[in-house]
Amino acid sequence: MPIDYKFYCIDGKVVGILVCSEREKKLRRNFFDINWNELIYIKDKYRNKSKISKPKHLEDMVKYAEILSKDFKFVRVDLYDQDKDVIFGELTFTPACCCNKIYNKKGNLELGQKI
C-alpha cells in the first residue's frame, strides 16, 4: 500500500504533515513540518520508528495542499506521492471525527494553538 500523506492546513497554509505507513501490518504514523523535520506529536506506541523518507514531490504536494485549502479555516488534504506525479485522495474537515487519540499532549497543544 502507498504511504498516505495528510497535510494539515490552516487558513490555506500547511502547518504539518501526518504520514501514515505500514497499513498492511499495523498502521504507524509520524508527523513532520514542511521542511521534513519530524515533530514528536504522536504517542510512541503509534509511531513508526524507522526513517520515513521525504516524498519525491514534497514541494508540489505542499503547493497543491495550499491551493486546495485556501478557502477553509481548517482542512486536511490527503495526497499520495507516486513516481511521476501527485495523486489526490480527499479533503477532510473533521479527521477521525475529532476523536483521534494518537496525539501526545505536546501534539494536541501545539496543533490546537495554530488554530
PDB file of N, CA and C in Angstrom:
ATOM      1  N   MET A   1       0.832  -1.180   0.000  1.00  0.00           N
ATOM      2  CA  MET A   1       0.000   0.000   0.000  1.00  0.00           C
ATOM      3  C   MET A   1       0.880   1.247   0.000  1.00  0.00           C
ATOM      4  N   PRO A   2       0.429   2.284  -0.699  1.00  0.00           N
ATOM      5  CA  PRO A   2       1.239   3.508  -0.724  1.00  0.00           C
ATOM      6  C   PRO A   2       1.186   4.244   0.618  1.00  0.00           C
ATOM      7  N   ILE A   3       2.209   5.026   0.861  1.00  0.00           N
ATOM      8  CA  ILE A   3       2.228   5.879   2.051  1.00  0.00           C
ATOM      9  C   ILE A   3       1.222   6.996   1.839  1.00  0.00           C
ATOM     10  N   ASP A   4       0.496   7.313   2.879  1.00  0.00           N
ATOM     11  CA  ASP A   4      -0.553   8.329   2.851  1.00  0.00           C
ATOM     12  C   ASP A   4      -0.009   9.591   3.521  1.00  0.00           C
ATOM     13  N   TYR A   5      -0.024  10.711   2.792  1.00  0.00           N
ATOM     14  CA  TYR A   5       0.442  11.991   3.324  1.00  0.00           C
ATOM     15  C   TYR A   5      -0.765  12.872   3.568  1.00  0.00           C
ATOM     16  N   LYS A   6      -0.961  13.299   4.810  1.00  0.00           N
ATOM     17  CA  LYS A   6      -2.136  14.075   5.200  1.00  0.00           C
ATOM     18  C   LYS A   6      -1.660  15.465   5.642  1.00  0.00           C
ATOM     19  N   PHE A   7      -1.949  16.456   4.817  1.00  0.00           N
ATOM     20  CA  PHE A   7      -1.477  17.817   5.026  1.00  0.00           C
ATOM     21  C   PHE A   7      -2.489  18.597   5.856  1.00  0.00           C
ATOM     22  N   TYR A   8      -2.091  18.994   7.055  1.00  0.00           N
ATOM     23  CA  TYR A   8      -2.945  19.782   7.943  1.00  0.00           C
ATOM     24  C   TYR A   8      -2.796  21.247   7.534  1.00  0.00           C
ATOM     25  N   CYS A   9      -3.898  21.843   7.095  1.00  0.00           N
ATOM     26  CA  CYS A   9      -3.862  23.206   6.565  1.00  0.00           C
ATOM     27  C   CYS A   9      -4.769  24.124   7.374  1.00  0.00           C
ATOM     28  N   ILE A  10      -4.234  25.282   7.720  1.00  0.00           N
ATOM     29  CA  ILE A  10      -4.990  26.296   8.444  1.00  0.00           C
ATOM     30  C   ILE A  10      -4.869  27.596   7.648  1.00  0.00           C
ATOM     31  N   ASP A  11      -6.025  28.171   7.301  1.00  0.00           N
ATOM     32  CA  ASP A  11      -6.057  29.408   6.517  1.00  0.00           C
ATOM     33  C   ASP A  11      -5.202  29.302   5.253  1.00  0.00           C
ATOM     34  N   GLY A  12      -5.244  28.144   4.594  1.00  0.00           N
ATOM     35  CA  GLY A  12      -4.537  27.961   3.330  1.00  0.00           C
ATOM     36  C   GLY A  12      -3.049  27.719   3.427  1.00  0.00           C
ATOM     37  N   LYS A  13      -2.540  27.448   4.618  1.00  0.00           N
ATOM     38  CA  LYS A  13      -1.111  27.164   4.799  1.00  0.00           C
ATOM     39  C   LYS A  13      -0.936  25.804   5.464  1.00  0.00           C
ATOM     40  N   VAL A  14       0.009  25.029   4.954  1.00  0.00           N
ATOM     41  CA  VAL A  14       0.318  23.729   5.559  1.00  0.00           C
ATOM     42  C   VAL A  14       1.056  23.988   6.873  1.00  0.00           C
ATOM     43  N   VAL A  15       0.523  23.428   7.962  1.00  0.00           N
ATOM     44  CA  VAL A  15       1.159  23.574   9.282  1.00  0.00           C
ATOM     45  C   VAL A  15       1.788  22.264   9.755  1.00  0.00           C
ATOM     46  N   GLY A  16       1.559  21.194   9.015  1.00  0.00           N
ATOM     47  CA  GLY A  16       2.153  19.911   9.372  1.00  0.00           C
ATOM     48  C   GLY A  16       1.648  18.810   8.460  1.00  0.00           C
ATOM     49  N   ILE A  17       2.378  17.699   8.482  1.00  0.00           N
ATOM     50  CA  ILE A  17       2.062  16.570   7.605  1.00  0.00           C
ATOM     51  C   ILE A  17       2.039  15.291   8.433  1.00  0.00           C
ATOM     52  N   LEU A  18       0.883  14.659   8.475  1.00  0.00           N
ATOM     53  CA  LEU A  18       0.751  13.352   9.118  1.00  0.00           C
ATOM     54  C   LEU A  18       1.031  12.297   8.063  1.00  0.00           C
ATOM     55  N   VAL A  19       1.973  11.408   8.356  1.00  0.00           N
ATOM     56  CA  VAL A  19       2.344  10.343   7.422  1.00  0.00           C
ATOM     57  C   VAL A  19       1.861   9.020   7.988  1.00  0.00           C
ATOM     58  N   CYS A  20       1.048   8.314   7.205  1.00  0.00           N
ATOM     59  CA  CYS A  20       0.526   7.003   7.600  1.00  0.00           C
ATOM     60  C   CYS A  20       1.243   5.935   6.794  1.00  0.00           C
ATOM     61  N   SER A  21       1.902   5.029   7.480  1.00  0.00           N
ATOM     62  CA  SER A  21       2.681   3.982   6.818  1.00  0.00           C
ATOM     63  C   SER A  21       2.369   2.622   7.443  1.00  0.00           C
ATOM     64  N   GLU A  22       2.871   1.588   6.814  1.00  0.00           N
ATOM     65  CA  GLU A  22       2.737   0.198   7.283  1.00  0.00           C
ATOM     66  C   GLU A  22       1.282  -0.229   7.471  1.00  0.00           C
ATOM     67  N   ARG A  23       0.411   0.232   6.604  1.00  0.00           N
ATOM     68  CA  ARG A  23      -1.007  -0.127   6.700  1.00  0.00           C
ATOM     69  C   ARG A  23      -1.235  -1.630   6.560  1.00  0.00           C
ATOM     70  N   GLU A  24      -0.354  -2.300   5.820  1.00  0.00           N
ATOM     71  CA  GLU A  24      -0.522  -3.736   5.610  1.00  0.00           C
ATOM     72  C   GLU A  24      -0.149  -4.551   6.846  1.00  0.00           C
ATOM     73  N   LYS A  25       0.583  -3.956   7.775  1.00  0.00           N
ATOM     74  CA  LYS A  25       0.966  -4.626   9.023  1.00  0.00           C
ATOM     75  C   LYS A  25       0.118  -4.052  10.151  1.00  0.00           C
ATOM     76  N   LYS A  26       0.667  -3.054  10.789  1.00  0.00           N
ATOM     77  CA  LYS A  26      -0.036  -2.333  11.850  1.00  0.00           C
ATOM     78  C   LYS A  26       0.197  -0.851  11.578  1.00  0.00           C
ATOM     79  N   LEU A  27      -0.851  -0.130  11.312  1.00  0.00           N
ATOM     80  CA  LEU A  27      -0.760   1.277  10.921  1.00  0.00           C
ATOM     81  C   LEU A  27       0.142   2.065  11.859  1.00  0.00           C
ATOM     82  N   ARG A  28       1.095   2.772  11.273  1.00  0.00           N
ATOM     83  CA  ARG A  28       2.021   3.633  12.007  1.00  0.00           C
ATOM     84  C   ARG A  28       1.895   5.048  11.475  1.00  0.00           C
ATOM     85  N   ARG A  29       2.163   6.029  12.359  1.00  0.00           N
ATOM     86  CA  ARG A  29       2.012   7.425  11.968  1.00  0.00           C
ATOM     87  C   ARG A  29       3.188   8.247  12.489  1.00  0.00           C
ATOM     88  N   ASN A  30       3.564   9.231  11.704  1.00  0.00           N
ATOM     89  CA  ASN A  30       4.592  10.192  12.091  1.00  0.00           C
ATOM     90  C   ASN A  30       4.122  11.566  11.631  1.00  0.00           C
ATOM     91  N   PHE A  31       4.619  12.612  12.267  1.00  0.00           N
ATOM     92  CA  PHE A  31       4.199  13.969  11.944  1.00  0.00           C
ATOM     93  C   PHE A  31       5.433  14.799  11.614  1.00  0.00           C
ATOM     94  N   PHE A  32       5.370  15.560  10.512  1.00  0.00           N
ATOM     95  CA  PHE A  32       6.508  16.346  10.033  1.00  0.00           C
ATOM     96  C   PHE A  32       6.094  17.789   9.769  1.00  0.00           C
ATOM     97  N   ASP A  33       7.081  18.689   9.793  1.00  0.00           N
ATOM     98  CA  ASP A  33       6.827  20.043   9.313  1.00  0.00           C
ATOM     99  C   ASP A  33       7.105  20.057   7.810  1.00  0.00           C
ATOM    100  N   ILE A  34       6.934  21.198   7.147  1.00  0.00           N
ATOM    101  CA  ILE A  34       7.086  21.231   5.683  1.00  0.00           C
ATOM    102  C   ILE A  34       8.541  21.112   5.235  1.00  0.00           C
ATOM    103  N   ASN A  35       9.489  21.221   6.164  1.00  0.00           N
ATOM    104  CA  ASN A  35      10.908  21.025   5.840  1.00  0.00           C
ATOM    105  C   ASN A  35      11.365  19.598   6.127  1.00  0.00           C
ATOM    106  N   TRP A  36      10.419  18.740   6.427  1.00  0.00           N
ATOM    107  CA  TRP A  36      10.618  17.318   6.704  1.00  0.00           C
ATOM    108  C   TRP A  36      11.412  17.064   7.985  1.00  0.00           C
ATOM    109  N   ASN A  37      11.191  17.908   8.976  1.00  0.00           N
ATOM    110  CA  ASN A  37      11.699  17.667  10.326  1.00  0.00           C
ATOM    111  C   ASN A  37      10.581  16.972  11.087  1.00  0.00           C
ATOM    112  N   GLU A  38      10.898  15.847  11.714  1.00  0.00           N
ATOM    113  CA  GLU A  38       9.852  15.153  12.456  1.00  0.00           C
ATOM    114  C   GLU A  38       9.502  15.917  13.729  1.00  0.00           C
ATOM    115  N   LEU A  39       8.214  16.077  13.954  1.00  0.00           N
ATOM    116  CA  LEU A  39       7.682  16.679  15.170  1.00  0.00           C
ATOM    117  C   LEU A  39       7.126  15.533  16.002  1.00  0.00           C
ATOM    118  N   ILE A  40       7.555  15.411  17.217  1.00  0.00           N
ATOM    119  CA  ILE A  40       7.138  14.284  18.042  1.00  0.00           C
ATOM    120  C   ILE A  40       5.772  14.610  18.661  1.00  0.00           C
ATOM    121  N   TYR A  41       4.739  14.508  17.835  1.00  0.00           N
ATOM    122  CA  TYR A  41       3.355  14.789  18.219  1.00  0.00           C
ATOM    123  C   TYR A  41       2.552  13.509  18.418  1.00  0.00           C
ATOM    124  N   ILE A  42       3.107  12.369  17.999  1.00  0.00           N
ATOM    125  CA  ILE A  42       2.394  11.101  18.036  1.00  0.00           C
ATOM    126  C   ILE A  42       2.891  10.277  19.222  1.00  0.00           C
ATOM    127  N   LYS A  43       1.974   9.657  19.935  1.00  0.00           N
ATOM    128  CA  LYS A  43       2.357   8.766  21.040  1.00  0.00           C
ATOM    129  C   LYS A  43       3.251   7.656  20.503  1.00  0.00           C
ATOM    130  N   ASP A  44       4.243   7.269  21.283  1.00  0.00           N
ATOM    131  CA  ASP A  44       5.232   6.273  20.848  1.00  0.00           C
ATOM    132  C   ASP A  44       4.620   4.987  20.318  1.00  0.00           C
ATOM    133  N   LYS A  45       3.575   4.504  20.942  1.00  0.00           N
ATOM    134  CA  LYS A  45       3.005   3.217  20.527  1.00  0.00           C
ATOM    135  C   LYS A  45       2.396   3.262  19.131  1.00  0.00           C
ATOM    136  N   TYR A  46       2.183   4.454  18.572  1.00  0.00           N
ATOM    137  CA  TYR A  46       1.613   4.587  17.228  1.00  0.00           C
ATOM    138  C   TYR A  46       2.638   5.008  16.180  1.00  0.00           C
ATOM    139  N   ARG A  47       3.842   5.408  16.624  1.00  0.00           N
ATOM    140  CA  ARG A  47       4.854   5.934  15.707  1.00  0.00           C
ATOM    141  C   ARG A  47       5.611   4.835  14.987  1.00  0.00           C
ATOM    142  N   ASN A  48       6.035   5.144  13.775  1.00  0.00           N
ATOM    143  CA  ASN A  48       6.946   4.300  13.020  1.00  0.00           C
ATOM    144  C   ASN A  48       8.347   4.719  13.442  1.00  0.00           C
ATOM    145  N   LYS A  49       9.108   3.797  13.986  1.00  0.00           N
ATOM    146  CA  LYS A  49      10.451   4.105  14.475  1.00  0.00           C
ATOM    147  C   LYS A  49      11.482   4.110  13.338  1.00  0.00           C
ATOM    148  N   SER A  50      11.104   3.593  12.169  1.00  0.00           N
ATOM    149  CA  SER A  50      12.000   3.595  11.013  1.00  0.00           C
ATOM    150  C   SER A  50      12.042   4.987  10.395  1.00  0.00           C
ATOM    151  N   LYS A  51      13.112   5.239   9.654  1.00  0.00           N
ATOM    152  CA  LYS A  51      13.235   6.531   8.967  1.00  0.00           C
ATOM    153  C   LYS A  51      12.183   6.617   7.861  1.00  0.00           C
ATOM    154  N   ILE A  52      11.449   7.704   7.856  1.00  0.00           N
ATOM    155  CA  ILE A  52      10.463   7.957   6.811  1.00  0.00           C
ATOM    156  C   ILE A  52      11.113   8.915   5.816  1.00  0.00           C
ATOM    157  N   SER A  53      11.311   8.453   4.594  1.00  0.00           N
ATOM    158  CA  SER A  53      11.957   9.291   3.583  1.00  0.00           C
ATOM    159  C   SER A  53      11.034  10.412   3.123  1.00  0.00           C
ATOM    160  N   LYS A  54      11.648  11.532   2.825  1.00  0.00           N
ATOM    161  CA  LYS A  54      10.909  12.675   2.300  1.00  0.00           C
ATOM    162  C   LYS A  54      10.338  12.297   0.933  1.00  0.00           C
ATOM    163  N   PRO A  55       9.070  12.601   0.682  1.00  0.00           N
ATOM    164  CA  PRO A  55       8.493  12.263  -0.618  1.00  0.00           C
ATOM    165  C   PRO A  55       9.165  13.045  -1.754  1.00  0.00           C
ATOM    166  N   LYS A  56       9.282  12.405  -2.882  1.00  0.00           N
ATOM    167  CA  LYS A  56       9.937  12.981  -4.060  1.00  0.00           C
ATOM    168  C   LYS A  56       9.298  14.304  -4.469  1.00  0.00           C
ATOM    169  N   HIS A  57       7.989  14.382  -4.391  1.00  0.00           N
ATOM    170  CA  HIS A  57       7.251  15.566  -4.856  1.00  0.00           C
ATOM    171  C   HIS A  57       6.754  16.452  -3.706  1.00  0.00           C
ATOM    172  N   LEU A  58       7.498  16.508  -2.608  1.00  0.00           N
ATOM    173  CA  LEU A  58       7.021  17.242  -1.432  1.00  0.00           C
ATOM    174  C   LEU A  58       6.669  18.698  -1.743  1.00  0.00           C
ATOM    175  N   GLU A  59       7.534  19.400  -2.482  1.00  0.00           N
ATOM    176  CA  GLU A  59       7.244  20.809  -2.789  1.00  0.00           C
ATOM    177  C   GLU A  59       5.920  20.946  -3.537  1.00  0.00           C
ATOM    178  N   ASP A  60       5.695  20.103  -4.527  1.00  0.00           N
ATOM    179  CA  ASP A  60       4.435  20.138  -5.272  1.00  0.00           C
ATOM    180  C   ASP A  60       3.257  19.790  -4.372  1.00  0.00           C
ATOM    181  N   MET A  61       3.446  18.819  -3.495  1.00  0.00           N
ATOM    182  CA  MET A  61       2.372  18.406  -2.595  1.00  0.00           C
ATOM    183  C   MET A  61       1.964  19.551  -1.679  1.00  0.00           C
ATOM    184  N   VAL A  62       2.931  20.279  -1.137  1.00  0.00           N
ATOM    185  CA  VAL A  62       2.636  21.431  -0.281  1.00  0.00           C
ATOM    186  C   VAL A  62       1.887  22.479  -1.094  1.00  0.00           C
ATOM    187  N   LYS A  63       2.365  22.742  -2.302  1.00  0.00           N
ATOM    188  CA  LYS A  63       1.717  23.741  -3.166  1.00  0.00           C
ATOM    189  C   LYS A  63       0.265  23.353  -3.446  1.00  0.00           C
ATOM    190  N   TYR A  64       0.020  22.108  -3.804  1.00  0.00           N
ATOM    191  CA  TYR A  64      -1.343  21.653  -4.111  1.00  0.00           C
ATOM    192  C   TYR A  64      -2.236  21.712  -2.868  1.00  0.00           C
ATOM    193  N   ALA A  65      -1.693  21.292  -1.728  1.00  0.00           N
ATOM    194  CA  ALA A  65      -2.471  21.324  -0.484  1.00  0.00           C
ATOM    195  C   ALA A  65      -2.874  22.756  -0.150  1.00  0.00           C
ATOM    196  N   GLU A  66      -1.974  23.702  -0.349  1.00  0.00           N
ATOM    197  CA  GLU A  66      -2.301  25.098  -0.038  1.00  0.00           C
ATOM    198  C   GLU A  66      -3.319  25.680  -1.012  1.00  0.00           C
ATOM    199  N   ILE A  67      -3.258  25.289  -2.262  1.00  0.00           N
ATOM    200  CA  ILE A  67      -4.267  25.741  -3.236  1.00  0.00           C
ATOM    201  C   ILE A  67      -5.637  25.178  -2.859  1.00  0.00           C
ATOM    202  N   LEU A  68      -5.692  23.893  -2.562  1.00  0.00           N
ATOM    203  CA  LEU A  68      -6.971  23.247  -2.245  1.00  0.00           C
ATOM    204  C   LEU A  68      -7.571  23.730  -0.927  1.00  0.00           C
ATOM    205  N   SER A  69      -6.730  24.214  -0.012  1.00  0.00           N
ATOM    206  CA  SER A  69      -7.208  24.581   1.322  1.00  0.00           C
ATOM    207  C   SER A  69      -7.453  26.077   1.502  1.00  0.00           C
ATOM    208  N   LYS A  70      -7.188  26.876   0.497  1.00  0.00           N
ATOM    209  CA  LYS A  70      -7.190  28.332   0.674  1.00  0.00           C
ATOM    210  C   LYS A  70      -8.508  28.918   1.151  1.00  0.00           C
ATOM    211  N   ASP A  71      -9.614  28.278   0.899  1.00  0.00           N
ATOM    212  CA  ASP A  71     -10.924  28.820   1.283  1.00  0.00           C
ATOM    213  C   ASP A  71     -11.434  28.329   2.637  1.00  0.00           C
ATOM    214  N   PHE A  72     -10.603  27.618   3.379  1.00  0.00           N
ATOM    215  CA  PHE A  72     -11.078  26.992   4.616  1.00  0.00           C
ATOM    216  C   PHE A  72     -10.218  27.379   5.815  1.00  0.00           C
ATOM    217  N   LYS A  73     -10.856  27.533   6.977  1.00  0.00           N
ATOM    218  CA  LYS A  73     -10.123  27.783   8.221  1.00  0.00           C
ATOM    219  C   LYS A  73      -9.228  26.588   8.542  1.00  0.00           C
ATOM    220  N   PHE A  74      -9.799  25.375   8.448  1.00  0.00           N
ATOM    221  CA  PHE A  74      -9.021  24.152   8.643  1.00  0.00           C
ATOM    222  C   PHE A  74      -9.516  23.082   7.688  1.00  0.00           C
ATOM    223  N   VAL A  75      -8.588  22.373   7.081  1.00  0.00           N
ATOM    224  CA  VAL A  75      -8.900  21.179   6.303  1.00  0.00           C
ATOM    225  C   VAL A  75      -7.629  20.329   6.224  1.00  0.00           C
ATOM    226  N   ARG A  76      -7.838  19.020   6.187  1.00  0.00           N
ATOM    227  CA  ARG A  76      -6.723  18.102   5.960  1.00  0.00           C
ATOM    228  C   ARG A  76      -6.806  17.656   4.513  1.00  0.00           C
ATOM    229  N   VAL A  77      -5.708  17.819   3.785  1.00  0.00           N
ATOM    230  CA  VAL A  77      -5.638  17.442   2.375  1.00  0.00           C
ATOM    231  C   VAL A  77      -4.801  16.175   2.274  1.00  0.00           C
ATOM    232  N   ASP A  78      -5.419  15.084   1.805  1.00  0.00           N
ATOM    233  CA  ASP A  78      -4.726  13.794   1.693  1.00  0.00           C
ATOM    234  C   ASP A  78      -4.208  13.607   0.279  1.00  0.00           C
ATOM    235  N   LEU A  79      -2.909  13.324   0.182  1.00  0.00           N
ATOM    236  CA  LEU A  79      -2.245  13.152  -1.114  1.00  0.00           C
ATOM    237  C   LEU A  79      -1.357  11.917  -1.082  1.00  0.00           C
ATOM    238  N   TYR A  80      -1.032  11.418  -2.278  1.00  0.00           N
ATOM    239  CA  TYR A  80      -0.119  10.283  -2.432  1.00  0.00           C
ATOM    240  C   TYR A  80       0.990  10.701  -3.389  1.00  0.00           C
ATOM    241  N   ASP A  81       2.210  10.314  -3.071  1.00  0.00           N
ATOM    242  CA  ASP A  81       3.362  10.621  -3.906  1.00  0.00           C
ATOM    243  C   ASP A  81       3.675   9.396  -4.768  1.00  0.00           C
ATOM    244  N   GLN A  82       3.414   9.510  -6.048  1.00  0.00           N
ATOM    245  CA  GLN A  82       3.689   8.418  -6.978  1.00  0.00           C
ATOM    246  C   GLN A  82       4.936   8.754  -7.781  1.00  0.00           C
ATOM    247  N   ASP A  83       5.470   7.797  -8.514  1.00  0.00           N
ATOM    248  CA  ASP A  83       6.724   8.002  -9.243  1.00  0.00           C
ATOM    249  C   ASP A  83       6.718   9.258 -10.106  1.00  0.00           C
ATOM    250  N   LYS A  84       5.645   9.441 -10.871  1.00  0.00           N
ATOM    251  CA  LYS A  84       5.624  10.529 -11.839  1.00  0.00           C
ATOM    252  C   LYS A  84       4.791  11.724 -11.431  1.00  0.00           C
ATOM    253  N   ASP A  85       3.972  11.585 -10.386  1.00  0.00           N
ATOM    254  CA  ASP A  85       3.055  12.668 -10.077  1.00  0.00           C
ATOM    255  C   ASP A  85       2.471  12.532  -8.674  1.00  0.00           C
ATOM    256  N   VAL A  86       1.678  13.513  -8.303  1.00  0.00           N
ATOM    257  CA  VAL A  86       0.970  13.536  -7.032  1.00  0.00           C
ATOM    258  C   VAL A  86      -0.475  13.129  -7.298  1.00  0.00           C
ATOM    259  N   ILE A  87      -1.013  12.276  -6.449  1.00  0.00           N
ATOM    260  CA  ILE A  87      -2.384  11.806  -6.587  1.00  0.00           C
ATOM    261  C   ILE A  87      -3.212  12.367  -5.431  1.00  0.00           C
ATOM    262  N   PHE A  88      -4.380  12.914  -5.756  1.00  0.00           N
ATOM    263  CA  PHE A  88      -5.290  13.469  -4.757  1.00  0.00           C
ATOM    264  C   PHE A  88      -6.070  12.351  -4.089  1.00  0.00           C
ATOM    265  N   GLY A  89      -6.225  12.432  -2.766  1.00  0.00           N
ATOM    266  CA  GLY A  89      -7.016  11.470  -2.010  1.00  0.00           C
ATOM    267  C   GLY A  89      -8.360  12.056  -1.632  1.00  0.00           C
ATOM    268  N   GLU A  90      -8.342  13.006  -0.677  1.00  0.00           N
ATOM    269  CA  GLU A  90      -9.594  13.613  -0.231  1.00  0.00           C
ATOM    270  C   GLU A  90      -9.313  14.848   0.594  1.00  0.00           C
ATOM    271  N   LEU A  91     -10.376  15.631   0.841  1.00  0.00           N
ATOM    272  CA  LEU A  91     -10.357  16.717   1.812  1.00  0.00           C
ATOM    273  C   LEU A  91     -11.123  16.229   3.028  1.00  0.00           C
ATOM    274  N   THR A  92     -10.573  16.453   4.208  1.00  0.00           N
ATOM    275  CA  THR A  92     -11.212  16.012   5.448  1.00  0.00           C
ATOM    276  C   THR A  92     -11.299  17.199   6.397  1.00  0.00           C
ATOM    277  N   PHE A  93     -12.514  17.490   6.848  1.00  0.00           N
ATOM    278  CA  PHE A  93     -12.722  18.635   7.726  1.00  0.00           C
ATOM    279  C   PHE A  93     -12.759  18.258   9.208  1.00  0.00           C
ATOM    280  N   THR A  94     -13.009  17.002   9.507  1.00  0.00           N
ATOM    281  CA  THR A  94     -13.029  16.537  10.903  1.00  0.00           C
ATOM    282  C   THR A  94     -12.299  15.191  10.977  1.00  0.00           C
ATOM    283  N   PRO A  95     -10.952  15.226  10.934  1.00  0.00           N
ATOM    284  CA  PRO A  95     -10.194  13.973  10.982  1.00  0.00           C
ATOM    285  C   PRO A  95     -10.574  13.118  12.192  1.00  0.00           C
ATOM    286  N   ALA A  96     -10.828  11.847  11.936  1.00  0.00           N
ATOM    287  CA  ALA A  96     -11.195  10.876  12.984  1.00  0.00           C
ATOM    288  C   ALA A  96     -12.365  11.373  13.826  1.00  0.00           C
ATOM    289  N   CYS A  97     -13.253  12.130  13.201  1.00  0.00           N
ATOM    290  CA  CYS A  97     -14.438  12.694  13.900  1.00  0.00           C
ATOM    291  C   CYS A  97     -14.030  13.508  15.125  1.00  0.00           C
ATOM    292  N   CYS A  98     -12.839  14.079  15.065  1.00  0.00           N
ATOM    293  CA  CYS A  98     -12.291  14.895  16.170  1.00  0.00           C
ATOM    294  C   CYS A  98     -12.073  14.083  17.445  1.00  0.00           C
ATOM    295  N   CYS A  99     -11.924  12.770  17.301  1.00  0.00           N
ATOM    296  CA  CYS A  99     -11.735  11.898  18.482  1.00  0.00           C
ATOM    297  C   CYS A  99     -10.440  11.101  18.396  1.00  0.00           C
ATOM    298  N   ASN A 100      -9.472  11.575  17.650  1.00  0.00           N
ATOM    299  CA  ASN A 100      -8.229  10.843  17.452  1.00  0.00           C
ATOM    300  C   ASN A 100      -7.392  10.855  18.720  1.00  0.00           C
ATOM    301  N   LYS A 101      -6.944   9.694  19.147  1.00  0.00           N
ATOM    302  CA  LYS A 101      -6.179   9.568  20.392  1.00  0.00           C
ATOM    303  C   LYS A 101      -4.706   9.264  20.158  1.00  0.00           C
ATOM    304  N   ILE A 102      -4.228   9.463  18.924  1.00  0.00           N
ATOM    305  CA  ILE A 102      -2.833   9.153  18.616  1.00  0.00           C
ATOM    306  C   ILE A 102      -1.871  10.252  19.034  1.00  0.00           C
ATOM    307  N   TYR A 103      -2.377  11.466  19.231  1.00  0.00           N
ATOM    308  CA  TYR A 103      -1.508  12.598  19.545  1.00  0.00           C
ATOM    309  C   TYR A 103      -1.153  12.644  21.025  1.00  0.00           C
ATOM    310  N   ASN A 104       0.096  12.993  21.292  1.00  0.00           N
ATOM    311  CA  ASN A 104       0.509  13.184  22.679  1.00  0.00           C
ATOM    312  C   ASN A 104       0.092  14.595  23.126  1.00  0.00           C
ATOM    313  N   LYS A 105       0.354  14.911  24.370  1.00  0.00           N
ATOM    314  CA  LYS A 105      -0.061  16.201  24.927  1.00  0.00           C
ATOM    315  C   LYS A 105       0.565  17.366  24.154  1.00  0.00           C
ATOM    316  N   LYS A 106       1.844  17.254  23.836  1.00  0.00           N
ATOM    317  CA  LYS A 106       2.540  18.308  23.084  1.00  0.00           C
ATOM    318  C   LYS A 106       1.890  18.504  21.715  1.00  0.00           C
ATOM    319  N   GLY A 107       1.596  17.408  21.018  1.00  0.00           N
ATOM    320  CA  GLY A 107       0.985  17.500  19.694  1.00  0.00           C
ATOM    321  C   GLY A 107      -0.374  18.164  19.748  1.00  0.00           C
ATOM    322  N   ASN A 108      -1.211  17.748  20.695  1.00  0.00           N
ATOM    323  CA  ASN A 108      -2.537  18.353  20.838  1.00  0.00           C
ATOM    324  C   ASN A 108      -2.424  19.846  21.133  1.00  0.00           C
ATOM    325  N   LEU A 109      -1.525  20.208  22.039  1.00  0.00           N
ATOM    326  CA  LEU A 109      -1.371  21.601  22.440  1.00  0.00           C
ATOM    327  C   LEU A 109      -0.859  22.462  21.271  1.00  0.00           C
ATOM    328  N   GLU A 110       0.217  22.024  20.624  1.00  0.00           N
ATOM    329  CA  GLU A 110       0.819  22.838  19.567  1.00  0.00           C
ATOM    330  C   GLU A 110      -0.068  22.920  18.334  1.00  0.00           C
ATOM    331  N   LEU A 111      -0.720  21.832  17.961  1.00  0.00           N
ATOM    332  CA  LEU A 111      -1.634  21.897  16.818  1.00  0.00           C
ATOM    333  C   LEU A 111      -2.844  22.761  17.149  1.00  0.00           C
ATOM    334  N   GLY A 112      -3.369  22.625  18.348  1.00  0.00           N
ATOM    335  CA  GLY A 112      -4.510  23.442  18.763  1.00  0.00           C
ATOM    336  C   GLY A 112      -4.189  24.926  18.792  1.00  0.00           C
ATOM    337  N   GLN A 113      -2.969  25.280  19.193  1.00  0.00           N
ATOM    338  CA  GLN A 113      -2.574  26.686  19.248  1.00  0.00           C
ATOM    339  C   GLN A 113      -2.479  27.311  17.858  1.00  0.00           C
ATOM    340  N   LYS A 114      -2.256  26.500  16.849  1.00  0.00           N
ATOM    341  CA  LYS A 114      -2.135  27.029  15.482  1.00  0.00           C
ATOM    342  C   LYS A 114      -3.483  27.536  14.960  1.00  0.00           C
ATOM    343  N   ILE A 115      -4.564  26.967  15.479  1.00  0.00           N
ATOM    344  CA  ILE A 115      -5.889  27.411  15.049  1.00  0.00           C
ATOM    345  C   ILE A 115      -6.260  28.670  15.813  1.00  0.00           C
TER     346      ILE A 115
END
